[in-house]
Amino acid sequence: MIQINLIRDRKVERVAGAKPAGAGVSFSLPKLPFNVGILASVLGVVIVLVVIVLTMISQKAQIASLESKIKGYNEELTKLAGPKRLVDDYLAKQADVNTKLNEIASIDKTRFYTVTLLDQLSHALPDYLWLTSMKDEKDVISMEGMTFSNLIVADFMDRLKGSGYFSNVELTQTTKATSEGRDLVKFSITSKYTENPNKPVSPAETTGQTAGKGSK
């Protein structure tokens, strides 16, 4: 007896014949004759090289411009070198002249200062009074001398004050001495000295001013 299983065959046919939708359609990119990654790398290197070359060209142009300006400045400096040398020589000579003039002025000031000081002392010296030494230290005059009486010393101090050149006249010391059998007085005086004195007021002027006030 022969048996035929038709159900199984149908199932197999169904499974074998079943195809998913769109299973027969397929897409694929065309194959290029070169590698895209390598091409991108080459292009990147070329762009970098172009940028470097352009930068170098720009820098060379700037350097050439600066060198041209420097050359022009150097030419101008060369032209001005002669006048500048003359100006420098003039300034050096002027400074030398000013230095010498200042030295001369200082010498003249000291000379006139000493001459004026000695002249005022000569006018203030009374008879029978002699100065034995004198020191000038920062406008402070120290004097030593001798005479016959303290009254003559007082007269000398009054004359110094009345000259207007001397102020703060002080008697620092008096001692008795003997010379050739005569009694003498040795004294020391200190005073401030100024080159621009105030005009001293004479006793006659003082008396006249007092009389004028009384008449008013």
N, C-alpha and C. Protein backbone atom coordinates (compact mmCIF):
# COMPACT_ATOMS: atom_id res chain seq x y z
N MET A 1 0.84 -1.19 0.00
CA MET A 1 0.00 0.00 0.00
C MET A 1 0.88 1.24 0.00
N ILE A 2 0.61 2.16 -0.89
CA ILE A 2 1.43 3.40 -1.04
C ILE A 2 0.67 4.57 -0.44
N GLN A 3 1.44 5.39 0.46
CA GLN A 3 0.84 6.57 1.09
C GLN A 3 1.60 7.83 0.65
N ILE A 4 0.86 8.83 0.32
CA ILE A 4 1.45 10.10 -0.14
C ILE A 4 1.02 11.19 0.83
N ASN A 5 2.02 11.87 1.36
CA ASN A 5 1.78 12.97 2.32
C ASN A 5 1.82 14.28 1.56
N LEU A 6 0.68 14.77 1.20
CA LEU A 6 0.57 16.01 0.43
C LEU A 6 0.71 17.26 1.30
N ILE A 7 0.35 17.15 2.54
CA ILE A 7 0.39 18.32 3.44
C ILE A 7 1.82 18.79 3.63
N ARG A 8 2.69 17.88 3.86
CA ARG A 8 4.10 18.24 4.10
C ARG A 8 4.70 18.91 2.90
N ASP A 9 4.43 18.39 1.74
CA ASP A 9 4.98 18.98 0.53
C ASP A 9 4.50 20.41 0.34
N ARG A 10 3.26 20.68 0.67
CA ARG A 10 2.73 22.03 0.55
C ARG A 10 3.42 22.99 1.48
N LYS A 11 3.69 22.49 2.69
CA LYS A 11 4.38 23.35 3.65
C LYS A 11 5.77 23.68 3.16
N VAL A 12 6.43 22.72 2.63
CA VAL A 12 7.79 22.93 2.15
C VAL A 12 7.78 23.90 0.99
N GLU A 13 6.79 23.71 0.12
CA GLU A 13 6.72 24.61 -1.00
C GLU A 13 6.45 26.04 -0.57
N ARG A 14 5.59 26.16 0.46
CA ARG A 14 5.29 27.50 0.95
C ARG A 14 6.53 28.15 1.56
N VAL A 15 7.24 27.37 2.34
CA VAL A 15 8.44 27.93 2.98
C VAL A 15 9.49 28.26 1.94
N ALA A 16 9.65 27.36 1.00
CA ALA A 16 10.66 27.60 -0.02
C ALA A 16 10.26 28.71 -0.96
N GLY A 17 9.01 28.84 -1.25
CA GLY A 17 8.59 29.85 -2.20
C GLY A 17 8.37 31.22 -1.60
N ALA A 18 8.33 31.33 -0.29
CA ALA A 18 8.09 32.63 0.36
C ALA A 18 9.31 33.51 0.28
N LYS A 19 9.17 34.74 -0.19
CA LYS A 19 10.27 35.71 -0.31
C LYS A 19 9.85 37.03 0.34
N PRO A 20 10.70 37.62 1.14
CA PRO A 20 10.36 38.90 1.79
C PRO A 20 10.23 40.01 0.76
N ALA A 21 9.45 41.02 1.14
CA ALA A 21 9.23 42.14 0.23
C ALA A 21 10.50 42.92 0.00
N GLY A 22 10.78 43.14 -1.22
CA GLY A 22 11.97 43.90 -1.58
C GLY A 22 13.24 43.12 -1.50
N ALA A 23 13.18 41.86 -1.31
CA ALA A 23 14.39 41.06 -1.20
C ALA A 23 15.13 40.99 -2.51
N GLY A 24 14.50 41.22 -3.61
CA GLY A 24 15.18 41.13 -4.89
C GLY A 24 15.83 42.43 -5.34
N VAL A 25 15.71 43.61 -4.53
CA VAL A 25 16.29 44.90 -4.93
C VAL A 25 17.52 45.18 -4.08
N SER A 26 18.67 45.51 -4.64
CA SER A 26 19.93 45.81 -3.91
C SER A 26 20.66 46.97 -4.59
N PHE A 27 21.29 47.88 -3.72
CA PHE A 27 22.06 49.06 -4.20
C PHE A 27 23.49 48.96 -3.73
N SER A 28 24.42 49.38 -4.52
CA SER A 28 25.85 49.37 -4.15
C SER A 28 26.53 50.57 -4.80
N LEU A 29 27.45 51.28 -4.01
CA LEU A 29 28.17 52.45 -4.51
C LEU A 29 29.16 52.04 -5.57
N PRO A 30 29.31 52.90 -6.52
CA PRO A 30 30.29 52.55 -7.57
C PRO A 30 31.71 52.61 -7.03
N LYS A 31 32.50 51.77 -7.42
CA LYS A 31 33.90 51.74 -6.97
C LYS A 31 34.72 52.80 -7.71
N LEU A 32 35.42 53.67 -6.86
CA LEU A 32 36.27 54.74 -7.43
C LEU A 32 37.64 54.19 -7.74
N PRO A 33 38.29 54.81 -8.74
CA PRO A 33 39.64 54.30 -9.09
C PRO A 33 40.73 54.78 -8.12
N PHE A 34 40.36 55.59 -7.02
CA PHE A 34 41.37 56.07 -6.08
C PHE A 34 40.77 56.05 -4.68
N ASN A 35 41.69 56.21 -3.67
CA ASN A 35 41.28 56.17 -2.26
C ASN A 35 40.94 57.59 -1.80
N VAL A 36 39.72 57.79 -1.27
CA VAL A 36 39.26 59.10 -0.84
C VAL A 36 40.08 59.63 0.34
N GLY A 37 40.43 58.80 1.29
CA GLY A 37 41.23 59.23 2.45
C GLY A 37 42.59 59.75 2.05
N ILE A 38 43.22 59.07 1.14
CA ILE A 38 44.54 59.53 0.68
C ILE A 38 44.41 60.86 -0.04
N LEU A 39 43.35 61.00 -0.86
CA LEU A 39 43.13 62.25 -1.59
C LEU A 39 42.93 63.42 -0.61
N ALA A 40 42.14 63.20 0.47
CA ALA A 40 41.91 64.26 1.45
C ALA A 40 43.21 64.65 2.15
N SER A 41 44.04 63.68 2.48
CA SER A 41 45.32 63.98 3.12
C SER A 41 46.21 64.80 2.21
N VAL A 42 46.25 64.41 0.94
CA VAL A 42 47.08 65.14 -0.01
C VAL A 42 46.59 66.58 -0.17
N LEU A 43 45.26 66.73 -0.26
CA LEU A 43 44.71 68.08 -0.38
C LEU A 43 45.03 68.93 0.86
N GLY A 44 44.94 68.32 2.05
CA GLY A 44 45.29 69.06 3.28
C GLY A 44 46.74 69.52 3.28
N VAL A 45 47.64 68.62 2.86
CA VAL A 45 49.07 68.99 2.81
C VAL A 45 49.29 70.10 1.80
N VAL A 46 48.61 70.02 0.65
CA VAL A 46 48.76 71.07 -0.37
C VAL A 46 48.27 72.41 0.15
N ILE A 47 47.14 72.41 0.86
CA ILE A 47 46.61 73.67 1.41
C ILE A 47 47.57 74.27 2.42
N VAL A 48 48.13 73.42 3.31
CA VAL A 48 49.09 73.91 4.29
C VAL A 48 50.32 74.51 3.61
N LEU A 49 50.81 73.82 2.56
CA LEU A 49 51.98 74.33 1.85
C LEU A 49 51.67 75.67 1.18
N VAL A 50 50.46 75.79 0.61
CA VAL A 50 50.08 77.05 -0.04
C VAL A 50 50.02 78.18 0.98
N VAL A 51 49.46 77.89 2.18
CA VAL A 51 49.39 78.92 3.24
C VAL A 51 50.80 79.33 3.67
N ILE A 52 51.69 78.35 3.83
CA ILE A 52 53.07 78.66 4.24
C ILE A 52 53.76 79.52 3.19
N VAL A 53 53.58 79.16 1.93
CA VAL A 53 54.23 79.92 0.86
C VAL A 53 53.70 81.34 0.82
N LEU A 54 52.38 81.50 0.94
CA LEU A 54 51.81 82.85 0.93
C LEU A 54 52.30 83.66 2.12
N THR A 55 52.40 83.02 3.29
CA THR A 55 52.90 83.72 4.48
C THR A 55 54.34 84.17 4.28
N MET A 56 55.17 83.28 3.72
CA MET A 56 56.56 83.63 3.46
C MET A 56 56.67 84.78 2.47
N ILE A 57 55.83 84.76 1.44
CA ILE A 57 55.86 85.85 0.45
C ILE A 57 55.46 87.16 1.11
N SER A 58 54.42 87.12 1.96
CA SER A 58 53.98 88.34 2.64
C SER A 58 55.07 88.87 3.57
N GLN A 59 55.69 87.96 4.32
CA GLN A 59 56.76 88.39 5.24
C GLN A 59 57.95 88.95 4.47
N LYS A 60 58.30 88.33 3.36
CA LYS A 60 59.41 88.86 2.56
C LYS A 60 59.08 90.26 2.05
N ALA A 61 57.82 90.47 1.65
CA ALA A 61 57.43 91.80 1.18
C ALA A 61 57.53 92.82 2.31
N GLN A 62 57.07 92.44 3.52
CA GLN A 62 57.17 93.35 4.66
C GLN A 62 58.63 93.64 5.01
N ILE A 63 59.46 92.60 4.98
CA ILE A 63 60.89 92.78 5.29
C ILE A 63 61.54 93.71 4.26
N ALA A 64 61.18 93.52 3.00
CA ALA A 64 61.74 94.39 1.95
C ALA A 64 61.31 95.83 2.16
N SER A 65 60.04 96.03 2.55
CA SER A 65 59.55 97.39 2.81
C SER A 65 60.28 98.02 3.99
N LEU A 66 60.46 97.24 5.07
CA LEU A 66 61.17 97.77 6.24
C LEU A 66 62.63 98.07 5.92
N GLU A 67 63.26 97.20 5.16
CA GLU A 67 64.65 97.45 4.79
C GLU A 67 64.76 98.71 3.94
N SER A 68 63.78 98.94 3.07
CA SER A 68 63.79 100.16 2.26
C SER A 68 63.64 101.40 3.15
N LYS A 69 62.74 101.34 4.15
CA LYS A 69 62.58 102.46 5.06
C LYS A 69 63.85 102.70 5.88
N ILE A 70 64.44 101.60 6.37
CA ILE A 70 65.68 101.73 7.15
C ILE A 70 66.79 102.34 6.31
N LYS A 71 66.86 101.93 5.07
CA LYS A 71 67.88 102.51 4.17
C LYS A 71 67.65 104.00 3.99
N GLY A 72 66.37 104.39 3.84
CA GLY A 72 66.07 105.82 3.71
C GLY A 72 66.43 106.60 4.97
N TYR A 73 66.11 106.02 6.15
CA TYR A 73 66.47 106.67 7.42
C TYR A 73 67.98 106.80 7.56
N ASN A 74 68.69 105.76 7.19
CA ASN A 74 70.16 105.81 7.28
C ASN A 74 70.73 106.89 6.37
N GLU A 75 70.15 107.03 5.20
CA GLU A 75 70.61 108.08 4.29
C GLU A 75 70.35 109.46 4.88
N GLU A 76 69.16 109.63 5.52
CA GLU A 76 68.86 110.91 6.16
C GLU A 76 69.82 111.19 7.32
N LEU A 77 70.10 110.13 8.10
CA LEU A 77 71.04 110.30 9.21
C LEU A 77 72.43 110.66 8.71
N THR A 78 72.81 110.06 7.60
CA THR A 78 74.12 110.39 7.03
C THR A 78 74.17 111.85 6.60
N LYS A 79 73.05 112.33 6.02
CA LYS A 79 73.01 113.73 5.62
C LYS A 79 73.06 114.67 6.83
N LEU A 80 72.41 114.23 7.94
CA LEU A 80 72.35 115.08 9.14
C LEU A 80 73.56 114.92 10.04
N ALA A 81 74.46 113.99 9.71
CA ALA A 81 75.62 113.74 10.57
C ALA A 81 76.49 114.99 10.68
N GLY A 82 76.68 115.68 9.57
CA GLY A 82 77.51 116.89 9.60
C GLY A 82 76.93 117.99 10.48
N PRO A 83 75.67 118.41 10.23
CA PRO A 83 75.07 119.42 11.12
C PRO A 83 74.99 118.98 12.56
N LYS A 84 74.72 117.70 12.80
CA LYS A 84 74.65 117.21 14.18
C LYS A 84 76.00 117.34 14.87
N ARG A 85 77.07 117.04 14.14
CA ARG A 85 78.41 117.19 14.71
C ARG A 85 78.69 118.63 15.07
N LEU A 86 78.25 119.55 14.21
CA LEU A 86 78.45 120.97 14.51
C LEU A 86 77.66 121.39 15.75
N VAL A 87 76.41 120.88 15.85
CA VAL A 87 75.59 121.21 17.02
C VAL A 87 76.22 120.64 18.29
N ASP A 88 76.71 119.41 18.22
CA ASP A 88 77.34 118.80 19.39
C ASP A 88 78.59 119.59 19.81
N ASP A 89 79.37 120.00 18.82
CA ASP A 89 80.56 120.80 19.14
C ASP A 89 80.17 122.13 19.78
N TYR A 90 79.11 122.74 19.25
CA TYR A 90 78.65 124.02 19.81
C TYR A 90 78.18 123.85 21.25
N LEU A 91 77.40 122.78 21.50
CA LEU A 91 76.90 122.54 22.85
C LEU A 91 78.05 122.26 23.81
N ALA A 92 79.06 121.51 23.34
CA ALA A 92 80.21 121.21 24.20
C ALA A 92 80.97 122.49 24.54
N LYS A 93 81.18 123.34 23.53
CA LYS A 93 81.88 124.61 23.77
C LYS A 93 81.06 125.51 24.70
N GLN A 94 79.75 125.53 24.49
CA GLN A 94 78.90 126.36 25.34
C GLN A 94 78.96 125.89 26.80
N ALA A 95 78.92 124.57 27.00
CA ALA A 95 79.02 124.04 28.36
C ALA A 95 80.37 124.39 28.98
N ASP A 96 81.44 124.33 28.18
CA ASP A 96 82.76 124.68 28.69
C ASP A 96 82.82 126.17 29.08
N VAL A 97 82.24 127.00 28.22
CA VAL A 97 82.22 128.44 28.51
C VAL A 97 81.41 128.73 29.77
N ASN A 98 80.25 128.07 29.90
CA ASN A 98 79.43 128.27 31.10
C ASN A 98 80.16 127.84 32.36
N THR A 99 80.90 126.74 32.26
CA THR A 99 81.67 126.28 33.42
C THR A 99 82.71 127.31 33.82
N LYS A 100 83.42 127.84 32.83
CA LYS A 100 84.44 128.85 33.13
C LYS A 100 83.82 130.14 33.68
N LEU A 101 82.67 130.52 33.12
CA LEU A 101 81.99 131.72 33.62
C LEU A 101 81.55 131.53 35.07
N ASN A 102 81.05 130.33 35.39
CA ASN A 102 80.65 130.06 36.77
C ASN A 102 81.85 130.11 37.71
N GLU A 103 82.99 129.59 37.25
CA GLU A 103 84.19 129.64 38.08
C GLU A 103 84.62 131.09 38.30
N ILE A 104 84.56 131.89 37.23
CA ILE A 104 84.95 133.30 37.35
C ILE A 104 84.00 134.02 38.30
N ALA A 105 82.69 133.74 38.16
CA ALA A 105 81.71 134.39 39.04
C ALA A 105 81.95 134.00 40.49
N SER A 106 82.28 132.72 40.72
CA SER A 106 82.56 132.27 42.09
C SER A 106 83.79 132.97 42.65
N ILE A 107 84.83 133.09 41.80
CA ILE A 107 86.05 133.77 42.26
C ILE A 107 85.77 135.24 42.55
N ASP A 108 85.00 135.89 41.66
CA ASP A 108 84.67 137.29 41.88
C ASP A 108 83.85 137.48 43.15
N LYS A 109 82.90 136.55 43.36
CA LYS A 109 82.06 136.66 44.55
C LYS A 109 82.91 136.55 45.81
N THR A 110 83.81 135.57 45.83
CA THR A 110 84.67 135.39 47.00
C THR A 110 85.60 136.59 47.17
N ARG A 111 86.11 137.09 46.03
CA ARG A 111 87.04 138.22 46.11
C ARG A 111 86.34 139.47 46.66
N PHE A 112 85.18 139.77 46.11
CA PHE A 112 84.45 140.95 46.59
C PHE A 112 83.97 140.76 48.02
N TYR A 113 83.61 139.53 48.36
CA TYR A 113 83.18 139.25 49.74
C TYR A 113 84.32 139.56 50.71
N THR A 114 85.51 139.08 50.41
CA THR A 114 86.66 139.31 51.29
C THR A 114 87.04 140.79 51.34
N VAL A 115 87.02 141.41 50.15
CA VAL A 115 87.38 142.84 50.10
C VAL A 115 86.39 143.67 50.91
N THR A 116 85.09 143.38 50.75
CA THR A 116 84.07 144.13 51.49
C THR A 116 84.20 143.91 52.99
N LEU A 117 84.44 142.65 53.38
CA LEU A 117 84.59 142.33 54.80
C LEU A 117 85.75 143.10 55.42
N LEU A 118 86.91 143.04 54.77
CA LEU A 118 88.08 143.74 55.30
C LEU A 118 87.88 145.25 55.31
N ASP A 119 87.20 145.76 54.28
CA ASP A 119 86.95 147.20 54.23
C ASP A 119 86.05 147.64 55.39
N GLN A 120 85.01 146.87 55.67
CA GLN A 120 84.11 147.22 56.77
C GLN A 120 84.80 147.10 58.12
N LEU A 121 85.65 146.10 58.27
CA LEU A 121 86.41 145.99 59.52
C LEU A 121 87.37 147.16 59.68
N SER A 122 87.98 147.57 58.57
CA SER A 122 88.91 148.70 58.64
C SER A 122 88.20 149.99 59.06
N HIS A 123 86.97 150.19 58.54
CA HIS A 123 86.22 151.38 58.90
C HIS A 123 85.73 151.33 60.35
N ALA A 124 85.49 150.12 60.86
CA ALA A 124 84.95 150.00 62.22
C ALA A 124 86.03 150.04 63.29
N LEU A 125 87.29 149.88 62.92
CA LEU A 125 88.37 149.84 63.92
C LEU A 125 88.58 151.23 64.53
N PRO A 126 88.48 151.34 65.84
CA PRO A 126 88.80 152.62 66.49
C PRO A 126 90.31 152.76 66.67
N ASP A 127 90.73 153.93 67.07
CA ASP A 127 92.16 154.13 67.33
C ASP A 127 92.58 153.30 68.54
N TYR A 128 93.83 152.87 68.48
CA TYR A 128 94.45 152.12 69.58
C TYR A 128 93.78 150.76 69.81
N LEU A 129 93.29 150.16 68.74
CA LEU A 129 92.77 148.78 68.81
C LEU A 129 93.33 148.03 67.62
N TRP A 130 93.89 146.86 67.90
CA TRP A 130 94.53 146.07 66.86
C TRP A 130 93.94 144.65 66.85
N LEU A 131 93.63 144.17 65.66
CA LEU A 131 93.16 142.78 65.50
C LEU A 131 94.37 141.88 65.27
N THR A 132 94.45 140.81 66.03
CA THR A 132 95.57 139.87 65.90
C THR A 132 95.20 138.63 65.08
N SER A 133 93.91 138.32 64.97
CA SER A 133 93.48 137.16 64.16
C SER A 133 92.01 137.32 63.80
N MET A 134 91.63 136.66 62.70
CA MET A 134 90.24 136.67 62.27
C MET A 134 89.95 135.38 61.52
N LYS A 135 88.77 134.78 61.77
CA LYS A 135 88.34 133.56 61.09
C LYS A 135 86.92 133.77 60.55
N ASP A 136 86.70 133.25 59.35
CA ASP A 136 85.38 133.33 58.72
C ASP A 136 84.87 131.91 58.51
N GLU A 137 83.87 131.52 59.26
CA GLU A 137 83.32 130.16 59.19
C GLU A 137 81.81 130.26 58.99
N LYS A 138 81.37 130.04 57.73
CA LYS A 138 79.95 130.04 57.40
C LYS A 138 79.29 131.35 57.83
N ASP A 139 79.89 132.44 57.41
CA ASP A 139 79.35 133.79 57.67
C ASP A 139 79.42 134.18 59.14
N VAL A 140 80.12 133.42 59.94
CA VAL A 140 80.34 133.78 61.35
C VAL A 140 81.80 134.20 61.49
N ILE A 141 81.99 135.45 61.90
CA ILE A 141 83.33 136.00 62.01
C ILE A 141 83.79 135.93 63.46
N SER A 142 84.98 135.35 63.65
CA SER A 142 85.60 135.31 64.99
C SER A 142 86.85 136.19 64.94
N MET A 143 86.92 137.14 65.86
CA MET A 143 88.03 138.10 65.87
C MET A 143 88.69 138.10 67.25
N GLU A 144 90.00 138.26 67.23
CA GLU A 144 90.77 138.43 68.46
C GLU A 144 91.67 139.66 68.29
N GLY A 145 91.85 140.39 69.37
CA GLY A 145 92.67 141.60 69.31
C GLY A 145 93.06 142.09 70.68
N MET A 146 93.65 143.25 70.70
CA MET A 146 94.05 143.84 71.97
C MET A 146 93.95 145.36 71.89
N THR A 147 93.77 145.98 73.04
CA THR A 147 93.66 147.44 73.14
C THR A 147 94.01 147.85 74.56
N PHE A 148 93.79 149.12 74.85
CA PHE A 148 94.18 149.61 76.18
C PHE A 148 93.03 149.60 77.18
N SER A 149 91.79 149.54 76.71
CA SER A 149 90.68 149.68 77.64
C SER A 149 89.45 148.93 77.13
N ASN A 150 88.61 148.53 78.06
CA ASN A 150 87.35 147.89 77.69
C ASN A 150 86.42 148.85 76.97
N LEU A 151 86.58 150.15 77.25
CA LEU A 151 85.74 151.14 76.57
C LEU A 151 86.02 151.15 75.06
N ILE A 152 87.27 150.95 74.69
CA ILE A 152 87.61 150.90 73.26
C ILE A 152 86.99 149.66 72.61
N VAL A 153 86.97 148.54 73.35
CA VAL A 153 86.33 147.32 72.84
C VAL A 153 84.84 147.56 72.62
N ALA A 154 84.20 148.23 73.59
CA ALA A 154 82.77 148.54 73.45
C ALA A 154 82.52 149.44 72.25
N ASP A 155 83.40 150.41 72.04
CA ASP A 155 83.27 151.30 70.88
C ASP A 155 83.39 150.50 69.57
N PHE A 156 84.31 149.57 69.53
CA PHE A 156 84.49 148.73 68.34
C PHE A 156 83.22 147.92 68.05
N MET A 157 82.61 147.35 69.09
CA MET A 157 81.39 146.56 68.92
C MET A 157 80.24 147.44 68.42
N ASP A 158 80.15 148.66 68.92
CA ASP A 158 79.10 149.57 68.46
C ASP A 158 79.29 149.93 66.98
N ARG A 159 80.53 150.12 66.59
CA ARG A 159 80.80 150.44 65.19
C ARG A 159 80.46 149.27 64.27
N LEU A 160 80.74 148.05 64.73
CA LEU A 160 80.39 146.87 63.94
C LEU A 160 78.87 146.79 63.74
N LYS A 161 78.13 147.01 64.80
CA LYS A 161 76.67 146.96 64.71
C LYS A 161 76.14 148.07 63.81
N GLY A 162 76.74 149.26 63.91
CA GLY A 162 76.27 150.39 63.13
C GLY A 162 76.58 150.31 61.66
N SER A 163 77.51 149.46 61.27
CA SER A 163 77.85 149.35 59.84
C SER A 163 76.74 148.69 59.04
N GLY A 164 75.91 147.88 59.68
CA GLY A 164 74.86 147.16 58.97
C GLY A 164 75.31 145.84 58.39
N TYR A 165 76.61 145.60 58.31
CA TYR A 165 77.14 144.34 57.79
C TYR A 165 77.28 143.27 58.87
N PHE A 166 77.32 143.68 60.12
CA PHE A 166 77.55 142.76 61.22
C PHE A 166 76.32 142.75 62.13
N SER A 167 75.99 141.55 62.59
CA SER A 167 74.86 141.39 63.52
C SER A 167 75.24 140.35 64.56
N ASN A 168 74.47 140.33 65.65
CA ASN A 168 74.74 139.41 66.76
C ASN A 168 76.20 139.52 67.23
N VAL A 169 76.65 140.75 67.40
CA VAL A 169 78.02 141.00 67.86
C VAL A 169 78.08 140.69 69.35
N GLU A 170 78.95 139.74 69.70
CA GLU A 170 79.06 139.33 71.11
C GLU A 170 80.52 139.30 71.53
N LEU A 171 80.74 139.77 72.76
CA LEU A 171 82.08 139.70 73.38
C LEU A 171 82.18 138.38 74.12
N THR A 172 83.04 137.51 73.65
CA THR A 172 83.13 136.17 74.24
C THR A 172 84.17 136.06 75.34
N GLN A 173 85.21 136.92 75.29
CA GLN A 173 86.26 136.80 76.31
C GLN A 173 87.10 138.07 76.37
N THR A 174 87.49 138.44 77.59
CA THR A 174 88.45 139.54 77.79
C THR A 174 89.44 139.11 78.87
N THR A 175 90.70 139.37 78.63
CA THR A 175 91.74 139.05 79.61
C THR A 175 92.75 140.19 79.65
N LYS A 176 93.42 140.29 80.78
CA LYS A 176 94.44 141.32 80.92
C LYS A 176 95.78 140.78 80.44
N ALA A 177 96.57 141.67 79.83
CA ALA A 177 97.90 141.29 79.33
C ALA A 177 98.83 142.48 79.50
N THR A 178 100.11 142.21 79.37
CA THR A 178 101.13 143.26 79.51
C THR A 178 102.07 143.18 78.32
N SER A 179 102.36 144.32 77.72
CA SER A 179 103.28 144.38 76.60
C SER A 179 104.15 145.62 76.75
N GLU A 180 105.47 145.40 76.84
CA GLU A 180 106.44 146.48 76.98
C GLU A 180 106.08 147.38 78.18
N GLY A 181 105.70 146.75 79.25
CA GLY A 181 105.41 147.47 80.48
C GLY A 181 104.08 148.16 80.50
N ARG A 182 103.21 147.93 79.49
CA ARG A 182 101.92 148.58 79.46
C ARG A 182 100.82 147.53 79.66
N ASP A 183 99.80 147.94 80.40
CA ASP A 183 98.66 147.05 80.62
C ASP A 183 97.73 147.08 79.41
N LEU A 184 97.39 145.90 78.93
CA LEU A 184 96.52 145.77 77.76
C LEU A 184 95.33 144.88 78.08
N VAL A 185 94.35 144.96 77.21
CA VAL A 185 93.17 144.08 77.29
C VAL A 185 93.09 143.26 76.01
N LYS A 186 93.13 141.94 76.19
CA LYS A 186 92.95 141.04 75.04
C LYS A 186 91.48 140.60 74.99
N PHE A 187 90.91 140.57 73.82
CA PHE A 187 89.48 140.29 73.71
C PHE A 187 89.22 139.34 72.54
N SER A 188 88.04 138.72 72.60
CA SER A 188 87.54 137.86 71.51
C SER A 188 86.10 138.23 71.23
N ILE A 189 85.78 138.41 69.96
CA ILE A 189 84.44 138.82 69.53
C ILE A 189 83.96 137.89 68.41
N THR A 190 82.69 137.53 68.46
CA THR A 190 82.06 136.78 67.37
C THR A 190 80.91 137.61 66.81
N SER A 191 80.68 137.45 65.51
CA SER A 191 79.62 138.22 64.86
C SER A 191 79.22 137.53 63.56
N LYS A 192 77.98 137.76 63.14
CA LYS A 192 77.52 137.29 61.83
C LYS A 192 77.74 138.39 60.81
N TYR A 193 78.09 137.96 59.60
CA TYR A 193 78.39 138.93 58.54
C TYR A 193 77.47 138.67 57.35
N THR A 194 76.96 139.72 56.75
CA THR A 194 76.11 139.61 55.56
C THR A 194 76.59 140.58 54.50
N GLU A 195 76.48 140.14 53.22
CA GLU A 195 76.91 140.99 52.10
C GLU A 195 75.83 141.99 51.69
N ASN A 196 74.59 141.76 52.11
CA ASN A 196 73.49 142.66 51.77
C ASN A 196 72.92 143.27 53.05
N PRO A 197 73.59 144.26 53.56
CA PRO A 197 73.18 144.80 54.86
C PRO A 197 71.97 145.72 54.76
N ASN A 198 71.32 145.89 55.89
CA ASN A 198 70.29 146.92 56.00
C ASN A 198 70.97 148.25 56.32
N LYS A 199 70.42 149.32 55.78
CA LYS A 199 71.02 150.63 56.00
C LYS A 199 70.91 151.01 57.46
N PRO A 200 72.02 151.22 58.12
CA PRO A 200 71.96 151.58 59.54
C PRO A 200 71.36 152.96 59.74
N VAL A 201 70.67 153.13 60.83
CA VAL A 201 70.05 154.41 61.16
C VAL A 201 70.99 155.18 62.07
N SER A 202 71.38 156.36 61.62
CA SER A 202 72.30 157.18 62.41
C SER A 202 71.56 157.84 63.57
N PRO A 203 72.27 158.21 64.64
CA PRO A 203 71.62 158.88 65.77
C PRO A 203 70.92 160.16 65.34
N ALA A 204 71.47 160.91 64.35
CA ALA A 204 70.85 162.16 63.91
C ALA A 204 69.49 161.89 63.27
N GLU A 205 69.42 160.79 62.44
CA GLU A 205 68.15 160.45 61.82
C GLU A 205 67.12 160.04 62.85
N THR A 206 67.59 159.30 63.88
CA THR A 206 66.67 158.87 64.93
C THR A 206 66.11 160.06 65.67
N THR A 207 66.99 161.04 65.97
CA THR A 207 66.54 162.24 66.66
C THR A 207 65.55 163.03 65.82
N GLY A 208 65.80 163.14 64.51
CA GLY A 208 64.90 163.87 63.62
C GLY A 208 63.54 163.21 63.54
N GLN A 209 63.52 161.85 63.46
CA GLN A 209 62.25 161.15 63.40
C GLN A 209 61.45 161.36 64.67
N THR A 210 62.15 161.34 65.84
CA THR A 210 61.45 161.52 67.10
C THR A 210 60.87 162.91 67.20
N ALA A 211 61.64 163.93 66.74
CA ALA A 211 61.17 165.31 66.79
C ALA A 211 59.97 165.50 65.86
N GLY A 212 59.99 164.84 64.71
CA GLY A 212 58.87 164.94 63.77
C GLY A 212 57.59 164.38 64.36
N LYS A 213 57.72 163.23 65.02
CA LYS A 213 56.53 162.65 65.65
C LYS A 213 55.97 163.55 66.74
N GLY A 214 56.91 164.21 67.53
CA GLY A 214 56.44 165.08 68.61
C GLY A 214 55.74 166.30 68.09
N SER A 215 56.19 166.82 66.90
CA SER A 215 55.56 168.01 66.36
C SER A 215 54.17 167.72 65.85
N LYS A 216 53.96 166.49 65.35
CA LYS A 216 52.62 166.11 64.89
C LYS A 216 51.68 166.01 66.08
